[in-house]
Protein backbone atom coordinates (compact mmCIF):
# COMPACT_ATOMS: atom_id res chain seq x y z
CA UNK A 1 159.20 106.49 115.05
CA UNK A 2 161.29 108.39 112.31
CA UNK A 3 161.92 111.82 112.92
CA UNK A 4 160.47 112.64 109.55
CA UNK A 5 156.88 111.31 110.86
CA UNK A 6 156.88 112.50 114.23
CA UNK A 7 155.55 116.34 113.16
CA UNK A 8 152.29 114.31 111.51
CA UNK A 9 152.13 111.88 114.30
CA UNK A 10 152.00 115.15 116.87
CA UNK A 11 149.59 117.09 114.46
CA UNK A 12 147.09 114.13 114.49
CA UNK A 13 147.54 113.78 118.27
CA UNK A 14 146.88 117.47 118.81
CA UNK A 15 143.64 117.04 116.66
CA UNK A 16 142.58 113.98 118.55
CA UNK A 17 142.70 115.85 121.95
CA UNK A 18 140.84 119.11 120.52
CA UNK A 19 138.37 117.18 118.76
CA UNK A 20 137.58 115.00 121.64
CA UNK A 21 136.86 118.21 123.63
CA UNK A 22 134.71 119.74 121.10
CA UNK A 23 132.84 116.66 120.97
CA UNK A 24 132.36 116.58 124.70
CA UNK A 25 131.32 120.36 124.21
CA UNK A 26 128.77 119.44 121.62
CA UNK A 27 126.97 117.15 123.88
CA UNK A 28 127.09 118.86 127.26
CA UNK A 29 126.16 122.18 126.18
CA UNK A 30 122.69 120.53 124.59
CA UNK A 31 122.14 118.52 127.82
CA UNK A 32 122.97 121.96 129.77
CA UNK A 33 120.36 123.73 127.98
CA UNK A 34 117.63 121.00 128.07
CA UNK A 35 118.47 120.47 131.95
CA UNK A 36 118.33 124.11 132.91
CA UNK A 37 115.30 125.52 130.64
CA UNK A 38 113.42 122.39 129.14
CA UNK A 39 113.33 124.04 125.91
CA UNK A 40 114.32 122.24 122.56
CA UNK A 41 113.83 125.88 120.72
CA UNK A 42 116.58 127.16 123.05
CA UNK A 43 118.73 124.13 122.68
CA UNK A 44 118.66 124.70 118.85
CA UNK A 45 118.98 128.51 119.48
CA UNK A 46 122.38 128.03 121.54
CA UNK A 47 123.93 125.53 118.99
CA UNK A 48 122.92 127.57 116.14
CA UNK A 49 124.58 130.52 117.48
CA UNK A 50 127.77 128.51 117.81
CA UNK A 51 127.68 127.21 114.32
CA UNK A 52 127.09 130.78 113.23
CA UNK A 53 130.56 131.56 114.75
CA UNK A 54 132.16 128.58 113.00
CA UNK A 55 130.57 129.58 109.76
CA UNK A 56 131.83 133.15 110.03
CA UNK A 57 135.51 132.61 111.30
CA UNK A 58 135.66 129.64 108.53
CA UNK A 59 134.64 132.11 105.85
CA UNK A 60 136.45 134.95 106.91
CA UNK A 61 139.54 133.04 108.90
CA UNK A 62 141.73 131.88 105.88
CA UNK A 63 143.85 134.76 104.86
CA UNK A 64 144.02 135.33 108.79
CA UNK A 65 145.74 132.06 108.99
CA UNK A 66 148.19 132.63 106.05
CA UNK A 67 149.03 135.90 107.72
CA UNK A 68 149.67 134.48 111.26
CA UNK A 69 151.20 131.24 110.18
CA UNK A 70 149.06 127.91 110.67
CA UNK A 71 150.98 126.66 113.64
CA UNK A 72 150.20 130.13 115.37
CA UNK A 73 146.86 130.16 114.30
CA UNK A 74 146.05 126.67 115.54
CA UNK A 75 147.38 127.21 118.99
CA UNK A 76 145.68 130.94 119.52
CA UNK A 77 142.25 129.01 118.39
CA UNK A 78 142.53 126.20 121.01
CA UNK A 79 143.77 128.66 123.43
CA UNK A 80 140.55 130.99 122.78
CA UNK A 81 138.40 128.13 122.65
CA UNK A 82 139.80 126.79 126.27
CA UNK A 83 138.80 130.42 127.52
CA UNK A 84 135.33 130.46 125.82
CA UNK A 85 134.35 126.86 127.25
CA UNK A 86 135.64 127.57 130.70
CA UNK A 87 133.56 130.82 131.01
CA UNK A 88 130.48 128.77 131.00
CA UNK A 89 130.92 126.80 134.04
CA UNK A 90 132.84 129.57 135.92
CA UNK A 91 129.56 131.94 135.38
CA UNK A 92 127.35 128.88 136.15
CA UNK A 93 129.03 128.24 139.73
CA UNK A 94 129.68 131.71 140.69
CA UNK A 95 127.39 134.53 139.86
CA UNK A 96 124.98 132.63 137.85
CA UNK A 97 124.49 132.23 133.97
CA UNK A 98 121.74 134.16 132.20
CA UNK A 99 120.62 132.89 128.84
CA UNK A 100 122.20 135.53 126.86
CA UNK A 101 125.50 134.89 128.31
CA UNK A 102 125.45 131.45 127.54
CA UNK A 103 124.46 132.56 123.83
CA UNK A 104 127.57 134.94 124.01
CA UNK A 105 129.78 132.11 125.31
CA UNK A 106 128.71 129.67 122.54
CA UNK A 107 129.40 132.44 119.79
CA UNK A 108 132.80 132.95 121.38
CA UNK A 109 133.37 129.19 121.11
CA UNK A 110 132.14 128.90 117.45
CA UNK A 111 134.42 131.63 116.32
CA UNK A 112 137.66 129.79 117.85
CA UNK A 113 137.01 126.78 116.22
CA UNK A 114 137.46 126.91 112.56
CA UNK A 115 140.88 128.74 112.46
CA UNK A 116 142.53 125.93 114.25
CA UNK A 117 140.85 123.12 112.12
CA UNK A 118 141.47 125.13 109.07
CA UNK A 119 145.17 125.52 109.90
CA UNK A 120 145.92 121.89 111.02
CA UNK A 121 144.10 120.88 107.66
CA UNK A 122 146.16 123.04 105.59
CA UNK A 123 149.38 121.69 107.12
CA UNK A 124 148.36 118.13 106.32
CA UNK A 125 149.85 117.75 102.66
CA UNK A 126 153.10 119.20 103.64
CA UNK A 127 153.65 116.99 106.59
CA UNK A 128 152.21 114.07 104.46
CA UNK A 129 155.12 114.54 102.18
CA UNK A 130 157.67 114.96 104.45
CA UNK A 131 156.72 111.88 106.28
CA UNK A 132 156.55 109.94 103.13
CA UNK A 133 153.01 108.26 103.15
CA UNK A 134 150.38 108.37 100.46
CA UNK A 135 147.60 111.03 100.52
CA UNK A 136 145.15 108.01 100.84
CA UNK A 137 146.65 106.38 104.00
CA UNK A 138 147.38 109.88 105.63
CA UNK A 139 143.77 110.97 104.86
CA UNK A 140 142.38 107.88 106.32
CA UNK A 141 144.47 108.29 109.35
CA UNK A 142 143.51 111.95 109.92
CA UNK A 143 139.93 111.35 109.51
CA UNK A 144 140.18 108.00 111.71
CA UNK A 145 142.16 109.93 114.73
CA UNK A 146 139.02 112.57 114.27
CA UNK A 147 136.47 109.76 114.38
CA UNK A 148 138.58 108.05 117.26
CA UNK A 149 138.08 110.94 119.42
CA UNK A 150 134.55 111.67 118.83
CA UNK A 151 134.34 107.70 119.68
CA UNK A 152 136.03 108.64 123.12
CA UNK A 153 134.90 112.00 123.79
CA UNK A 154 130.88 110.73 123.19
CA UNK A 155 130.95 108.15 125.86
CA UNK A 156 132.95 110.12 128.25
CA UNK A 157 130.81 113.21 127.81
CA UNK A 158 127.88 110.83 128.54
CA UNK A 159 129.19 109.28 131.63
CA UNK A 160 130.86 112.30 133.00
CA UNK A 161 127.28 114.41 132.52
CA UNK A 162 125.66 111.75 134.48
CA UNK A 163 128.63 112.05 137.41
CA UNK A 164 129.67 115.96 137.35
CA UNK A 165 126.39 117.37 135.31
CA UNK A 166 126.85 119.16 132.09
CA UNK A 167 128.52 122.07 133.53
CA UNK A 168 131.19 120.26 135.05
CA UNK A 169 132.05 118.63 131.87
CA UNK A 170 133.05 121.88 130.32
CA UNK A 171 136.09 122.17 132.49
CA UNK A 172 137.32 118.81 131.32
CA UNK A 173 136.77 120.29 127.62
CA UNK A 174 138.53 123.54 128.52
CA UNK A 175 141.28 121.65 129.62
CA UNK A 176 141.73 119.22 126.31
CA UNK A 177 141.97 122.61 124.29
CA UNK A 178 144.77 123.43 126.43
CA UNK A 179 146.68 120.13 125.93
CA UNK A 180 146.05 120.56 122.24
CA UNK A 181 147.88 123.95 121.90
CA UNK A 182 150.94 122.64 123.98
CA UNK A 183 151.40 119.64 121.57
CA UNK A 184 151.40 121.91 118.63
CA UNK A 185 153.99 124.42 120.34
CA UNK A 186 156.24 121.53 121.12
CA UNK A 187 156.13 119.28 118.63
CA UNK A 188 154.77 120.40 115.30
CA UNK A 189 157.12 122.75 112.75
CA UNK A 190 155.15 125.44 110.87
CA UNK A 191 154.71 124.14 107.54
CA UNK A 192 154.17 127.55 106.19
CA UNK A 193 155.34 130.70 108.04
CA UNK A 194 153.41 133.87 108.37
CA UNK A 195 152.92 135.51 104.85
CA UNK A 196 153.69 139.18 104.00
CA UNK A 197 151.51 139.91 101.14
CA UNK A 198 150.83 142.83 98.83
CA UNK A 199 147.39 142.01 98.25
CA UNK A 200 144.58 143.18 100.78
CA UNK A 201 142.61 141.07 102.96
CA UNK A 202 139.79 141.57 100.88
CA UNK A 203 141.70 140.14 97.71
CA UNK A 204 142.98 137.06 99.53
CA UNK A 205 139.36 136.36 100.74
CA UNK A 206 138.02 136.73 97.31
CA UNK A 207 140.54 134.40 96.07
CA UNK A 208 139.38 131.84 98.02
CA UNK A 209 135.82 132.10 96.54
CA UNK A 210 137.14 132.55 93.17
CA UNK A 211 138.57 129.16 93.50
CA UNK A 212 135.38 127.28 94.57
CA UNK A 213 133.59 129.01 91.56
CA UNK A 214 136.65 128.05 89.24
CA UNK A 215 136.50 124.14 90.19
CA UNK A 216 132.83 122.68 89.61
CA UNK A 217 133.51 119.58 91.61
CA UNK A 218 134.93 121.62 94.70
CA UNK A 219 132.04 123.59 94.60
CA UNK A 220 129.47 121.01 94.18
CA UNK A 221 131.11 118.93 97.28
CA UNK A 222 130.61 122.21 99.16
CA UNK A 223 127.02 122.43 98.39
CA UNK A 224 126.09 118.94 99.01
CA UNK A 225 127.91 118.79 102.30
CA UNK A 226 126.34 122.12 103.16
CA UNK A 227 123.03 120.41 102.73
CA UNK A 228 123.65 117.43 104.84
CA UNK A 229 125.28 119.51 107.51
CA UNK A 230 122.17 121.49 108.02
CA UNK A 231 120.28 118.35 108.38
CA UNK A 232 122.91 116.78 110.74
CA UNK A 233 122.81 119.71 112.76
CA UNK A 234 119.03 119.62 113.49
CA UNK A 235 119.80 116.06 114.73
CA UNK A 236 122.91 116.45 116.78
CA UNK A 237 121.69 119.85 118.34
CA UNK A 238 118.38 118.67 119.20
CA UNK A 239 116.77 115.58 117.78
CA UNK A 240 119.28 112.95 119.00
CA UNK A 241 119.85 114.69 122.45
CA UNK A 242 115.94 114.70 122.81
CA UNK A 243 115.56 111.33 121.67
CA UNK A 244 118.16 110.06 124.07
CA UNK A 245 116.03 111.82 127.01
CA UNK A 246 112.35 111.48 126.07
CA UNK A 247 112.76 108.04 124.28
CA UNK A 248 115.64 106.21 125.70
CA UNK A 249 115.76 108.49 128.96
CA UNK A 250 119.62 108.31 129.35
CA UNK A 251 122.61 110.64 128.97
CA UNK A 252 124.78 107.46 128.59
CA UNK A 253 122.85 106.32 125.71
CA UNK A 254 123.59 109.80 124.08
CA UNK A 255 127.08 109.10 124.56
CA UNK A 256 126.83 105.41 123.31
CA UNK A 257 124.89 106.22 120.14
CA UNK A 258 127.60 109.03 118.96
CA UNK A 259 130.58 106.88 120.10
CA UNK A 260 129.40 103.66 118.51
CA UNK A 261 128.91 105.66 115.28
CA UNK A 262 132.31 106.98 115.62
CA UNK A 263 133.82 103.60 116.33
CA UNK A 264 132.48 102.31 113.34
CA UNK A 265 133.47 105.01 111.44
CA UNK A 266 137.33 104.53 112.72
CA UNK A 267 137.01 101.03 111.47
CA UNK A 268 135.76 102.38 108.09
CA UNK A 269 138.61 104.79 108.00
CA UNK A 270 140.92 101.90 108.81
CA UNK A 271 139.76 99.69 105.87
CA UNK A 272 139.83 102.87 103.55
CA UNK A 273 143.40 103.56 104.56
CA UNK A 274 144.19 99.75 103.61
CA UNK A 275 142.00 99.66 100.21
CA UNK A 276 141.51 103.21 99.43
CA UNK A 277 143.95 103.34 96.73
CA UNK A 278 142.31 100.32 94.83
CA UNK A 279 138.71 101.65 95.09
CA UNK A 280 136.56 103.74 92.73
CA UNK A 281 135.98 106.89 94.73
CA UNK A 282 132.85 107.93 93.05
CA UNK A 283 131.06 104.90 93.55
CA UNK A 284 132.37 104.09 97.14
CA UNK A 285 131.55 108.01 97.99
CA UNK A 286 127.91 107.51 96.58
CA UNK A 287 127.06 103.91 98.22
CA UNK A 288 128.46 105.10 101.64
CA UNK A 289 126.40 108.22 101.52
CA UNK A 290 123.46 106.77 100.41
CA UNK A 291 123.44 104.08 103.45
CA UNK A 292 124.62 106.56 106.06
CA UNK A 293 121.81 109.20 105.09
CA UNK A 294 118.15 108.36 105.33
CA UNK A 295 118.17 104.68 106.79
CA UNK A 296 119.05 105.76 110.34
CA UNK A 297 116.42 108.41 110.60
CA UNK A 298 113.49 105.76 109.61
CA UNK A 299 115.16 103.30 111.97
CA UNK A 300 114.94 106.02 114.85
CA UNK A 301 111.31 106.79 113.87
CA UNK A 302 110.37 102.96 114.60
CA UNK A 303 111.84 103.27 118.24
CA UNK A 304 113.37 99.52 118.07
CA UNK A 305 115.07 100.10 121.26
CA UNK A 306 118.87 100.75 122.09
CA UNK A 307 120.46 97.67 121.03
CA UNK A 308 119.05 97.65 117.65
CA UNK A 309 119.86 101.44 117.47
CA UNK A 310 123.56 100.80 118.33
CA UNK A 311 124.12 97.89 115.75
CA UNK A 312 122.78 99.86 112.93
CA UNK A 313 124.65 102.92 113.94
CA UNK A 314 127.93 100.65 114.15
CA UNK A 315 127.14 99.54 110.28
CA UNK A 316 126.67 103.05 108.96
CA UNK A 317 129.58 104.44 110.84
CA UNK A 318 131.82 101.86 108.76
CA UNK A 319 130.38 103.01 105.85
CA UNK A 320 130.86 106.77 106.87
CA UNK A 321 134.38 105.87 107.34
CA UNK A 322 135.11 106.55 103.74
CA UNK A 323 133.11 109.39 103.11
CA UNK A 324 135.72 112.07 104.59
CA UNK A 325 139.10 110.47 103.43
CA UNK A 326 137.67 110.51 99.82
CA UNK A 327 136.75 114.22 100.04
CA UNK A 328 140.12 114.76 101.40
CA UNK A 329 141.99 113.20 99.02
CA UNK A 330 140.11 114.80 96.31
CA UNK A 331 140.58 118.39 98.09
CA UNK A 332 144.63 117.42 98.31
CA UNK A 333 145.10 116.39 94.94
CA UNK A 334 143.04 119.39 93.61
CA UNK A 335 143.97 122.34 95.62
CA UNK A 336 147.30 124.42 95.09
CA UNK A 337 149.53 124.95 98.15
CA UNK A 338 149.63 128.74 98.18
CA UNK A 339 145.68 128.62 98.06
CA UNK A 340 144.90 125.89 100.50
CA UNK A 341 144.26 127.67 103.71
CA UNK A 342 142.05 130.20 102.27
CA UNK A 343 139.95 127.80 100.29
CA UNK A 344 139.75 125.11 102.68
CA UNK A 345 138.61 128.07 105.01
CA UNK A 346 135.87 128.92 102.69
CA UNK A 347 134.85 125.45 102.14
CA UNK A 348 134.61 124.73 105.57
CA UNK A 349 132.63 127.68 106.28
CA UNK A 350 130.32 126.78 103.19
CA UNK A 351 129.54 123.34 104.23
CA UNK A 352 128.62 124.58 107.63
CA UNK A 353 126.80 127.77 106.32
CA UNK A 354 123.39 126.21 106.70
CA UNK A 355 124.10 124.12 109.93
CA UNK A 356 122.72 127.22 112.11
CA UNK A 357 119.60 127.11 110.50
CA UNK A 358 119.05 123.36 110.77
CA UNK A 359 119.98 123.56 114.50
CA UNK A 360 117.31 126.23 114.87
CA UNK A 361 114.46 124.59 112.63
CA UNK A 362 115.06 121.30 114.37
CA UNK A 363 113.97 122.65 117.71
CA UNK A 364 111.36 124.93 115.99
CA UNK A 365 109.94 121.70 113.76
CA UNK A 366 109.92 119.56 117.03
CA UNK A 367 107.72 122.05 118.92
CA UNK A 368 105.41 122.35 115.92
CA UNK A 369 105.43 118.48 114.44
CA UNK A 370 106.58 116.24 117.29
CA UNK A 371 109.90 114.31 117.44
CA UNK A 372 109.01 111.48 115.39
CA UNK A 373 107.51 113.57 112.41
CA UNK A 374 110.44 115.83 112.25
CA UNK A 375 113.08 112.79 112.18
CA UNK A 376 111.08 111.66 109.25
CA UNK A 377 111.35 114.92 107.39
CA UNK A 378 114.69 114.91 108.22
CA UNK A 379 115.17 111.25 106.54
CA UNK A 380 113.22 112.46 103.45
CA UNK A 381 115.77 115.33 103.06
CA UNK A 382 118.67 113.40 103.41
CA UNK A 383 117.63 111.11 100.87
CA UNK A 384 116.95 113.96 98.14
CA UNK A 385 120.35 115.11 98.82
CA UNK A 386 122.44 111.97 98.75
CA UNK A 387 120.91 110.79 95.15
CA UNK A 388 122.68 113.75 93.76
CA UNK A 389 126.01 112.06 92.93
CA UNK A 390 123.94 109.34 91.11
CA UNK A 391 122.27 111.65 88.93
CA UNK A 392 124.93 114.38 87.88
CA UNK A 393 127.75 113.38 85.76
CA UNK A 394 130.00 115.99 87.34
CA UNK A 395 130.58 113.82 90.24
CA UNK A 396 132.59 110.93 88.56
CA UNK A 397 135.30 113.52 88.40
CA UNK A 398 136.28 112.00 91.75
CA UNK A 399 138.09 109.39 90.14
CA UNK A 400 140.04 111.72 88.30
CA UNK A 401 143.73 112.01 89.50
CA UNK A 402 144.78 115.85 88.43
CA UNK A 403 148.32 117.16 89.06
CA UNK A 404 148.38 119.81 91.56
CA UNK A 405 149.54 123.00 90.17
CA UNK A 406 151.81 125.25 91.73
CA UNK A 407 149.52 128.48 91.06
CA UNK A 408 146.01 128.64 90.11
CA UNK A 409 146.02 131.73 87.33
CA UNK A 410 142.23 132.35 87.66
CA UNK A 411 142.71 133.10 91.33
CA UNK A 412 146.33 134.16 91.60
CA UNK A 413 146.21 137.66 90.26
CA UNK A 414 143.80 138.33 93.18
CA UNK A 415 146.46 137.74 95.85
CA UNK A 416 149.23 139.66 94.24
């Protein structure tokens, strides 16, 4: 391993460990709420509160990442996440965990997640150039190891829930955040040290929003992914856990569904890393999203049994493996270095802005209409969103390869 590539590999490794913990948390917490309360509404509420914290820290955290430095922000974010996750089993096993305390812990966990993810994403382009590899290959690797972490974390969570219980799994989650922080401290240099700016925090935050308004494609990506994430939040927070519990009767099935999908996505990431520079981005992205979206919900509504579900989730996982790398490459190419952390933060907050609502509405819809009807509603919604790249010519700009500017005149004045 060359010294030039070590920081990039270490960053990817830290991301794997952190996301593995996050994935286990996302499965353990809903199962914990369902097991202790039996309420889909409370399950959706807890995940909705956590996602509210993610949205808030994403929207507001970009300038803070710039001022603290990207490496320091990543380390502090993982440390805060470890404390937030550990508080849930600590209270549960000692004095007891009231529902309001669980909501508070979920909010703190959400607030801790986004700054670290924003910081690591913003560090990627500099480390990619230092390693001497292509953006397509690096984007495939970044999303691939993230998917791989979910592939490992989901089945591990399912098994550990069965063995340790959902509260016990959260101790393991806390340890993963500590390991991620240690890797960043020891092996990853800061690609951008803390900045001392003349502009105010509000001006820098406004600069991130201004960039989204000035780049119509980046704005369209943010809106589309916001809509799909709202639907996915209903699925991951309520529908899939409830489906595993009431239809498949197994926490292991919950882990297998998530893990097989992630495993297929890892294979898709590998294919994109190999072929990505030769594929047309717009048509690949559009086809993949149409395949991944509505059909899976239609299949679940048919209740075909776990083997058929796993086979289909493997196929759509492979297709899904191209989506995030394409978006990542487009963002790497279009976002200027000095704006990257704050724009990434605003984008991350934007794409998750409706997720809390989706998680909460998922629980409400299940109680109002039933599980199968809610699954079909989500499928129809997904179809309506994923046809947009076919209907609007703006999306064909994904195949452009613009030169990355060092400054962006329309927003740079806001940060001076």
